[in-house]
N, C-alpha and C. Protein backbone atom coordinates (compact mmCIF):
# COMPACT_ATOMS: atom_id res chain seq x y z
N MET A 1 83.77 280.93 166.82
CA MET A 1 84.08 279.67 167.43
C MET A 1 83.03 278.64 167.00
N HIS A 2 83.49 277.50 166.52
CA HIS A 2 82.59 276.42 166.12
C HIS A 2 82.34 275.48 167.29
N LEU A 3 81.10 275.11 167.47
CA LEU A 3 80.77 274.07 168.43
C LEU A 3 80.28 272.88 167.62
N PHE A 4 80.81 271.72 167.92
CA PHE A 4 80.47 270.52 167.19
C PHE A 4 79.63 269.61 168.08
N PRO A 5 78.37 269.41 167.69
CA PRO A 5 77.50 268.60 168.54
C PRO A 5 77.82 267.11 168.50
N VAL A 6 78.46 266.64 167.43
CA VAL A 6 78.79 265.21 167.32
C VAL A 6 80.19 265.05 166.73
N GLN A 7 80.77 263.90 166.99
CA GLN A 7 82.12 263.62 166.51
C GLN A 7 82.19 263.64 164.98
N ASP A 8 81.14 263.18 164.30
CA ASP A 8 81.15 263.18 162.84
C ASP A 8 81.32 264.59 162.27
N ALA A 9 80.79 265.58 162.95
CA ALA A 9 80.94 266.95 162.49
C ALA A 9 82.40 267.38 162.57
N ILE A 10 83.08 267.00 163.62
CA ILE A 10 84.51 267.32 163.76
C ILE A 10 85.30 266.63 162.66
N VAL A 11 85.03 265.36 162.46
CA VAL A 11 85.75 264.59 161.43
C VAL A 11 85.48 265.17 160.05
N ALA A 12 84.24 265.54 159.77
CA ALA A 12 83.91 266.12 158.47
C ALA A 12 84.67 267.43 158.25
N GLU A 13 84.78 268.25 159.27
CA GLU A 13 85.54 269.50 159.15
C GLU A 13 87.03 269.22 158.92
N VAL A 14 87.57 268.22 159.61
CA VAL A 14 88.97 267.84 159.41
C VAL A 14 89.18 267.39 157.96
N TYR A 15 88.27 266.55 157.48
CA TYR A 15 88.38 266.07 156.11
C TYR A 15 88.27 267.22 155.11
N LEU A 16 87.34 268.13 155.33
CA LEU A 16 87.20 269.29 154.45
C LEU A 16 88.50 270.09 154.41
N GLY A 17 89.13 270.27 155.56
CA GLY A 17 90.41 270.98 155.60
C GLY A 17 91.49 270.26 154.81
N LEU A 18 91.57 268.93 154.97
CA LEU A 18 92.55 268.15 154.21
C LEU A 18 92.30 268.25 152.72
N LEU A 19 91.04 268.19 152.35
CA LEU A 19 90.67 268.27 150.95
C LEU A 19 91.04 269.63 150.37
N ARG A 20 90.71 270.67 151.07
CA ARG A 20 91.03 272.02 150.58
C ARG A 20 92.53 272.27 150.52
N ASP A 21 93.29 271.64 151.42
CA ASP A 21 94.74 271.81 151.42
C ASP A 21 95.45 270.98 150.36
N ALA A 22 94.77 269.99 149.79
CA ALA A 22 95.39 269.15 148.76
C ALA A 22 95.62 269.99 147.51
N PRO A 23 96.80 269.89 146.93
CA PRO A 23 97.09 270.70 145.74
C PRO A 23 96.17 270.32 144.57
N LEU A 24 95.85 271.29 143.76
CA LEU A 24 95.06 271.07 142.56
C LEU A 24 95.80 271.71 141.39
N SER A 25 96.33 270.87 140.54
CA SER A 25 97.00 271.39 139.36
C SER A 25 96.41 270.70 138.14
N VAL A 26 96.32 271.45 137.06
CA VAL A 26 95.73 270.94 135.83
C VAL A 26 96.76 271.08 134.72
N ASP A 27 97.21 269.95 134.22
CA ASP A 27 98.13 269.93 133.09
C ASP A 27 97.28 269.90 131.83
N VAL A 28 97.08 271.06 131.20
CA VAL A 28 96.21 271.14 130.04
C VAL A 28 96.76 270.37 128.85
N GLY A 29 98.02 269.94 128.92
CA GLY A 29 98.60 269.12 127.87
C GLY A 29 98.16 267.67 127.95
N GLN A 30 97.60 267.27 129.07
CA GLN A 30 97.12 265.90 129.23
C GLN A 30 95.68 265.78 128.74
N PRO A 31 95.30 264.61 128.24
CA PRO A 31 93.89 264.40 127.90
C PRO A 31 93.01 264.47 129.16
N SER A 32 91.74 264.74 128.95
CA SER A 32 90.79 264.85 130.08
C SER A 32 90.82 263.61 130.96
N ARG A 33 90.81 262.44 130.34
CA ARG A 33 90.78 261.20 131.12
C ARG A 33 91.98 261.12 132.05
N ALA A 34 93.16 261.43 131.56
CA ALA A 34 94.37 261.37 132.39
C ALA A 34 94.29 262.37 133.54
N ARG A 35 93.74 263.55 133.28
CA ARG A 35 93.62 264.56 134.34
C ARG A 35 92.67 264.09 135.43
N VAL A 36 91.54 263.51 135.03
CA VAL A 36 90.56 263.03 136.01
C VAL A 36 91.13 261.86 136.80
N VAL A 37 91.77 260.92 136.13
CA VAL A 37 92.37 259.77 136.82
C VAL A 37 93.40 260.25 137.84
N ALA A 38 94.24 261.21 137.47
CA ALA A 38 95.27 261.72 138.39
C ALA A 38 94.61 262.38 139.61
N LEU A 39 93.58 263.18 139.38
CA LEU A 39 92.88 263.82 140.50
C LEU A 39 92.26 262.78 141.41
N PHE A 40 91.56 261.82 140.83
CA PHE A 40 90.88 260.81 141.64
C PHE A 40 91.86 259.97 142.43
N GLU A 41 92.97 259.62 141.82
CA GLU A 41 93.99 258.86 142.55
C GLU A 41 94.50 259.67 143.74
N GLN A 42 94.77 260.94 143.50
CA GLN A 42 95.24 261.81 144.59
C GLN A 42 94.24 261.86 145.73
N LEU A 43 92.95 262.03 145.40
CA LEU A 43 91.94 262.17 146.44
C LEU A 43 91.65 260.86 147.16
N VAL A 44 91.65 259.75 146.44
CA VAL A 44 91.43 258.46 147.09
C VAL A 44 92.61 258.13 148.00
N MET A 45 93.82 258.42 147.54
CA MET A 45 95.02 258.08 148.31
C MET A 45 95.31 259.09 149.43
N LEU A 46 94.55 260.16 149.49
CA LEU A 46 94.78 261.23 150.46
C LEU A 46 94.92 260.72 151.89
N MET A 47 94.15 259.71 152.25
CA MET A 47 94.19 259.21 153.62
C MET A 47 94.63 257.76 153.70
N ALA A 48 95.31 257.28 152.69
CA ALA A 48 95.74 255.88 152.67
C ALA A 48 96.64 255.54 153.85
N ASP A 49 97.40 256.49 154.32
CA ASP A 49 98.30 256.25 155.45
C ASP A 49 97.64 256.49 156.80
N GLU A 50 96.37 256.87 156.79
CA GLU A 50 95.61 257.13 158.02
C GLU A 50 94.29 256.36 158.00
N PRO A 51 94.34 255.03 158.09
CA PRO A 51 93.10 254.24 157.95
C PRO A 51 92.04 254.56 159.00
N GLY A 52 92.44 254.90 160.19
CA GLY A 52 91.46 255.25 161.22
C GLY A 52 90.72 256.53 160.87
N LEU A 53 91.45 257.52 160.42
CA LEU A 53 90.83 258.78 160.01
C LEU A 53 89.97 258.55 158.77
N ALA A 54 90.46 257.72 157.84
CA ALA A 54 89.69 257.42 156.63
C ALA A 54 88.36 256.77 156.98
N ALA A 55 88.37 255.85 157.93
CA ALA A 55 87.13 255.19 158.35
C ALA A 55 86.18 256.20 158.99
N ALA A 56 86.71 257.08 159.80
CA ALA A 56 85.87 258.10 160.43
C ALA A 56 85.29 259.05 159.38
N CYS A 57 86.09 259.39 158.37
CA CYS A 57 85.60 260.27 157.30
C CYS A 57 84.52 259.58 156.48
N SER A 58 84.69 258.29 156.22
CA SER A 58 83.66 257.55 155.49
C SER A 58 82.34 257.61 156.24
N SER A 59 82.41 257.42 157.53
CA SER A 59 81.20 257.50 158.35
C SER A 59 80.59 258.90 158.28
N ALA A 60 81.43 259.91 158.35
CA ALA A 60 80.94 261.29 158.31
C ALA A 60 80.32 261.63 156.96
N LEU A 61 80.82 261.02 155.89
CA LEU A 61 80.28 261.30 154.56
C LEU A 61 78.89 260.69 154.35
N ILE A 62 78.55 259.68 155.13
CA ILE A 62 77.26 259.02 154.91
C ILE A 62 76.27 259.17 156.06
N THR A 63 76.68 259.77 157.15
CA THR A 63 75.79 259.90 158.30
C THR A 63 74.59 260.78 157.99
N GLY A 64 73.50 260.49 158.63
CA GLY A 64 72.30 261.30 158.49
C GLY A 64 72.22 262.41 159.52
N GLU A 65 73.26 262.54 160.32
CA GLU A 65 73.28 263.53 161.40
C GLU A 65 73.09 264.95 160.82
N PRO A 66 72.06 265.65 161.29
CA PRO A 66 71.78 266.99 160.76
C PRO A 66 72.95 267.98 160.88
N SER A 67 73.74 267.88 161.93
CA SER A 67 74.84 268.84 162.12
C SER A 67 75.96 268.64 161.10
N VAL A 68 75.94 267.53 160.40
CA VAL A 68 77.00 267.24 159.43
C VAL A 68 76.57 267.65 158.02
N ARG A 69 75.30 267.83 157.79
CA ARG A 69 74.80 268.10 156.44
C ARG A 69 75.46 269.31 155.78
N ALA A 70 75.55 270.41 156.50
CA ALA A 70 76.15 271.62 155.91
C ALA A 70 77.62 271.40 155.58
N ILE A 71 78.32 270.70 156.43
CA ILE A 71 79.74 270.41 156.18
C ILE A 71 79.85 269.49 154.97
N ARG A 72 78.99 268.49 154.92
CA ARG A 72 79.00 267.55 153.79
C ARG A 72 78.73 268.29 152.48
N ARG A 73 77.82 269.27 152.50
CA ARG A 73 77.56 270.06 151.29
C ARG A 73 78.81 270.81 150.85
N ARG A 74 79.59 271.31 151.80
CA ARG A 74 80.83 272.01 151.45
C ARG A 74 81.87 271.03 150.92
N ILE A 75 81.91 269.83 151.47
CA ILE A 75 82.82 268.79 150.96
C ILE A 75 82.45 268.46 149.52
N HIS A 76 81.17 268.24 149.27
CA HIS A 76 80.73 267.91 147.91
C HIS A 76 80.97 269.06 146.95
N ALA A 77 80.79 270.29 147.43
CA ALA A 77 81.07 271.46 146.57
C ALA A 77 82.55 271.52 146.20
N GLU A 78 83.41 271.19 147.14
CA GLU A 78 84.85 271.19 146.86
C GLU A 78 85.20 270.07 145.88
N LEU A 79 84.62 268.90 146.07
CA LEU A 79 84.86 267.81 145.12
C LEU A 79 84.34 268.18 143.74
N ARG A 80 83.17 268.78 143.68
CA ARG A 80 82.59 269.21 142.40
C ARG A 80 83.51 270.23 141.73
N ARG A 81 84.00 271.17 142.48
CA ARG A 81 84.91 272.19 141.93
C ARG A 81 86.14 271.55 141.32
N ARG A 82 86.69 270.58 142.02
CA ARG A 82 87.90 269.91 141.53
C ARG A 82 87.62 269.08 140.27
N VAL A 83 86.53 268.35 140.28
CA VAL A 83 86.19 267.54 139.11
C VAL A 83 85.98 268.44 137.89
N ARG A 84 85.23 269.48 138.06
CA ARG A 84 84.92 270.35 136.92
C ARG A 84 86.14 271.15 136.48
N THR A 85 87.06 271.42 137.39
CA THR A 85 88.29 272.10 137.01
C THR A 85 89.14 271.21 136.11
N VAL A 86 89.30 269.95 136.47
CA VAL A 86 90.14 269.07 135.64
C VAL A 86 89.44 268.68 134.34
N LEU A 87 88.11 268.65 134.34
CA LEU A 87 87.39 268.36 133.10
C LEU A 87 87.41 269.54 132.15
N ARG A 88 87.52 270.72 132.71
CA ARG A 88 87.43 271.97 131.96
C ARG A 88 86.04 272.14 131.40
N SER A 89 85.85 272.95 130.42
CA SER A 89 84.50 273.30 129.99
C SER A 89 83.89 272.32 128.99
N GLY A 90 84.64 271.33 128.54
CA GLY A 90 84.12 270.46 127.50
C GLY A 90 83.26 269.30 127.95
N ALA A 91 83.08 269.11 129.23
CA ALA A 91 82.36 267.93 129.72
C ALA A 91 80.87 268.19 129.84
N TRP A 92 80.11 267.17 129.55
CA TRP A 92 78.67 267.24 129.78
C TRP A 92 78.44 267.25 131.28
N PRO A 93 77.48 268.03 131.74
CA PRO A 93 77.20 268.08 133.18
C PRO A 93 76.86 266.71 133.76
N GLU A 94 76.17 265.86 132.99
CA GLU A 94 75.81 264.54 133.47
C GLU A 94 77.05 263.66 133.69
N VAL A 95 78.05 263.83 132.85
CA VAL A 95 79.30 263.07 133.01
C VAL A 95 80.02 263.54 134.28
N ALA A 96 80.09 264.85 134.45
CA ALA A 96 80.74 265.39 135.65
C ALA A 96 80.03 264.89 136.91
N GLU A 97 78.72 264.89 136.89
CA GLU A 97 77.96 264.44 138.06
C GLU A 97 78.18 262.95 138.32
N ALA A 98 78.20 262.15 137.26
CA ALA A 98 78.45 260.71 137.43
C ALA A 98 79.84 260.48 138.01
N LEU A 99 80.82 261.25 137.56
CA LEU A 99 82.18 261.13 138.10
C LEU A 99 82.22 261.51 139.57
N GLU A 100 81.49 262.56 139.93
CA GLU A 100 81.45 262.98 141.33
C GLU A 100 80.84 261.89 142.21
N PHE A 101 79.76 261.28 141.76
CA PHE A 101 79.14 260.19 142.52
C PHE A 101 80.13 259.03 142.67
N GLY A 102 80.80 258.70 141.57
CA GLY A 102 81.78 257.61 141.61
C GLY A 102 82.91 257.90 142.58
N LEU A 103 83.38 259.13 142.59
CA LEU A 103 84.47 259.52 143.49
C LEU A 103 84.05 259.39 144.95
N VAL A 104 82.90 259.92 145.28
CA VAL A 104 82.44 259.85 146.68
C VAL A 104 82.25 258.40 147.10
N GLY A 105 81.64 257.60 146.25
CA GLY A 105 81.45 256.19 146.56
C GLY A 105 82.77 255.47 146.74
N ALA A 106 83.73 255.78 145.89
CA ALA A 106 85.05 255.14 145.99
C ALA A 106 85.75 255.54 147.28
N MET A 107 85.62 256.81 147.66
CA MET A 107 86.27 257.26 148.89
C MET A 107 85.66 256.58 150.11
N VAL A 108 84.35 256.42 150.11
CA VAL A 108 83.68 255.73 151.21
C VAL A 108 84.11 254.27 151.22
N ARG A 109 84.16 253.66 150.06
CA ARG A 109 84.55 252.25 149.96
C ARG A 109 85.96 252.03 150.51
N ALA A 110 86.91 252.84 150.07
CA ALA A 110 88.29 252.69 150.55
C ALA A 110 88.38 252.98 152.05
N GLY A 111 87.72 254.05 152.47
CA GLY A 111 87.78 254.43 153.88
C GLY A 111 87.15 253.42 154.80
N SER A 112 86.16 252.69 154.31
CA SER A 112 85.49 251.70 155.15
C SER A 112 86.24 250.37 155.21
N GLY A 113 87.27 250.25 154.37
CA GLY A 113 88.04 249.02 154.37
C GLY A 113 87.49 247.94 153.46
N SER A 114 86.48 248.26 152.67
CA SER A 114 85.90 247.28 151.75
C SER A 114 86.88 246.88 150.66
N ALA A 115 87.82 247.76 150.36
CA ALA A 115 88.89 247.51 149.40
C ALA A 115 90.07 248.37 149.82
N THR A 116 91.25 248.05 149.33
CA THR A 116 92.41 248.89 149.65
C THR A 116 92.29 250.21 148.89
N PHE A 117 93.02 251.19 149.34
CA PHE A 117 93.02 252.48 148.65
C PHE A 117 93.54 252.31 147.22
N ARG A 118 94.59 251.53 147.05
CA ARG A 118 95.17 251.31 145.73
C ARG A 118 94.16 250.61 144.81
N GLU A 119 93.51 249.55 145.30
CA GLU A 119 92.51 248.84 144.50
C GLU A 119 91.39 249.79 144.10
N THR A 120 90.96 250.59 145.04
CA THR A 120 89.87 251.53 144.77
C THR A 120 90.27 252.56 143.73
N ALA A 121 91.48 253.10 143.83
CA ALA A 121 91.94 254.08 142.85
C ALA A 121 92.01 253.44 141.46
N ASP A 122 92.51 252.21 141.39
CA ASP A 122 92.60 251.51 140.10
C ASP A 122 91.22 251.24 139.51
N GLU A 123 90.29 250.81 140.33
CA GLU A 123 88.93 250.54 139.85
C GLU A 123 88.22 251.83 139.45
N LEU A 124 88.50 252.89 140.16
CA LEU A 124 87.91 254.19 139.81
C LEU A 124 88.46 254.67 138.46
N ALA A 125 89.71 254.37 138.18
CA ALA A 125 90.29 254.72 136.87
C ALA A 125 89.52 254.02 135.75
N GLU A 126 89.07 252.79 136.00
CA GLU A 126 88.26 252.08 135.00
C GLU A 126 86.91 252.76 134.78
N VAL A 127 86.32 253.26 135.84
CA VAL A 127 85.06 254.00 135.73
C VAL A 127 85.28 255.26 134.90
N VAL A 128 86.36 255.96 135.19
CA VAL A 128 86.68 257.17 134.44
C VAL A 128 86.86 256.84 132.96
N ALA A 129 87.55 255.75 132.67
CA ALA A 129 87.77 255.35 131.28
C ALA A 129 86.45 255.08 130.55
N ALA A 130 85.46 254.59 131.27
CA ALA A 130 84.16 254.32 130.65
C ALA A 130 83.37 255.60 130.39
N LEU A 131 83.66 256.65 131.14
CA LEU A 131 82.86 257.88 131.04
C LEU A 131 83.53 259.02 130.29
N VAL A 132 84.86 259.01 130.23
CA VAL A 132 85.59 260.14 129.65
C VAL A 132 86.43 259.66 128.47
N PRO A 133 86.26 260.28 127.32
CA PRO A 133 87.10 259.91 126.17
C PRO A 133 88.58 260.15 126.48
N GLY A 134 89.43 259.31 125.94
CA GLY A 134 90.86 259.40 126.22
C GLY A 134 91.59 260.51 125.53
N GLU A 135 91.16 260.94 124.39
CA GLU A 135 91.94 261.90 123.61
C GLU A 135 91.46 263.33 123.71
N VAL A 136 90.46 263.61 124.53
CA VAL A 136 89.93 264.97 124.64
C VAL A 136 90.75 265.76 125.61
């Protein structure tokens, strides 16, 4: 039985569950850039229809609350797994890490209402285009 000392811990666990339940498919016939853009769009849009939950998740992703740290590490590990799966083995670790940072920042940005989910996904696609070659 889990006991959650703060609301952010509950929200982080809910988000982790949603993230883990999101399908992950890799079309190896697509270039790396297209695979990453598709994944990022899916993850950014995951909570587009739930703005209240998205805002709570954004808060949980950036809180300094100690009880959330372990959950946040599992969220980041899941995001890392997904990014590296769609990149496959050809990506430089620094590129994968930069993409992961961009993804987390974009998700916080969209969830906080600083931009729409669609705008954020489109802008994140531009970041991906700058970091990932199109024909690989």
